[in-house]
C-alpha atoms as a PDB file:
ATOM      1  CA  MET A   1      -3.763   9.104   6.852  1.00  0.00           C
ATOM      2  CA  THR A   2      -6.272  10.288   3.996  1.00  0.00           C
ATOM      3  CA  HIS A   3      -9.519   8.900   3.446  1.00  0.00           C
ATOM      4  CA  GLY A   4      -8.481   7.037   0.378  1.00  0.00           C
ATOM      5  CA  TYR A   5      -5.496   5.742   1.961  1.00  0.00           C
ATOM      6  CA  ARG A   6      -7.236   4.227   5.114  1.00  0.00           C
ATOM      7  CA  ALA A   7      -9.917   3.002   3.019  1.00  0.00           C
ATOM      8  CA  PHE A   8      -7.458   1.075   0.607  1.00  0.00           C
ATOM      9  CA  ILE A   9      -5.875  -0.622   4.309  1.00  0.00           C
ATOM     10  CA  GLU A  10      -9.452  -1.433   5.589  1.00  0.00           C
ATOM     11  CA  ASP A  11     -10.339  -2.713   1.967  1.00  0.00           C
ATOM     12  CA  LEU A  12      -7.561  -5.520   2.369  1.00  0.00           C
ATOM     13  CA  PRO A  13      -8.605  -9.093   3.425  1.00  0.00           C
ATOM     14  CA  ALA A  14      -7.316  -9.863   7.049  1.00  0.00           C
ATOM     15  CA  ASP A  15      -4.565 -11.862   5.752  1.00  0.00           C
ATOM     16  CA  ARG A  16      -3.161  -9.339   3.199  1.00  0.00           C
ATOM     17  CA  ARG A  17      -3.671  -6.589   5.809  1.00  0.00           C
ATOM     18  CA  ALA A  18      -1.503  -8.565   8.436  1.00  0.00           C
ATOM     19  CA  GLU A  19       1.177  -8.935   5.835  1.00  0.00           C
ATOM     20  CA  PHE A  20       1.233  -5.429   4.907  1.00  0.00           C
ATOM     21  CA  HIS A  21       1.549  -4.224   8.720  1.00  0.00           C
ATOM     22  CA  ASP A  22       4.453  -6.781   9.203  1.00  0.00           C
ATOM     23  CA  ARG A  23       6.287  -5.450   6.168  1.00  0.00           C
ATOM     24  CA  VAL A  24       5.788  -1.859   7.141  1.00  0.00           C
ATOM     25  CA  LEU A  25       7.298  -2.336  10.555  1.00  0.00           C
ATOM     26  CA  ALA A  26       9.890  -4.289   8.834  1.00  0.00           C
ATOM     27  CA  LEU A  27      11.182  -1.233   6.821  1.00  0.00           C
ATOM     28  CA  ARG A  28      14.128   0.554   7.914  1.00  0.00           C
ATOM     29  CA  ALA A  29      13.643   3.920   9.568  1.00  0.00           C
ATOM     30  CA  LYS A  30      14.824   5.749   6.154  1.00  0.00           C
ATOM     31  CA  ASP A  31      12.353   3.440   4.239  1.00  0.00           C
ATOM     32  CA  LEU A  32       9.308   4.486   6.243  1.00  0.00           C
ATOM     33  CA  VAL A  33       8.124   6.782   3.181  1.00  0.00           C
ATOM     34  CA  LEU A  34       5.901   4.664   1.226  1.00  0.00           C
ATOM     35  CA  ARG A  35       6.542   5.353  -2.399  1.00  0.00           C
ATOM     36  CA  ARG A  36       4.076   4.308  -5.361  1.00  0.00           C
ATOM     37  CA  VAL A  37       3.637   4.905  -8.823  1.00  0.00           C
ATOM     38  CA  THR A  38       0.912   7.575 -10.086  1.00  0.00           C
ATOM     39  CA  GLY A  39       0.027   8.659 -13.625  1.00  0.00           C
ATOM     40  CA  VAL A  40      -0.580  12.395 -14.160  1.00  0.00           C
ATOM     41  CA  TRP A  41      -3.452  13.572 -16.426  1.00  0.00           C
ATOM     42  CA  SER A  42      -3.643  16.788 -18.409  1.00  0.00           C
ATOM     43  CA  GLY A  43      -6.209  18.065 -20.455  1.00  0.00           C
ATOM     44  CA  ARG A  44      -7.396  21.246 -22.020  1.00  0.00           C
ATOM     45  CA  LYS A  45     -10.947  22.964 -22.463  1.00  0.00           C
ATOM     46  CA  PRO A  46     -11.961  22.505 -25.717  1.00  0.00           C
ATOM     47  CA  GLY A  47     -11.720  25.968 -27.477  1.00  0.00           C
ATOM     48  CA  PHE A  48      -9.538  27.587 -24.954  1.00  0.00           C
ATOM     49  CA  GLY A  49      -6.432  29.414 -26.339  1.00  0.00           C
ATOM     50  CA  ALA A  50      -7.903  29.268 -30.352  1.00  0.00           C
ATOM     51  CA  ALA A  51      -6.921  32.526 -31.988  1.00  0.00           C
END
């Protein structure tokens, strides 16, 4: 478990943590990968690539 993922789980209130645990255990074997939407940020250094 990554530190961020572990912190997310540990920061849940006790009742929500229990619910999360129960719902993960109820997943079918092929669904054990947790999926979430993540934004991708892109940027460019000012002046980089200027002619």
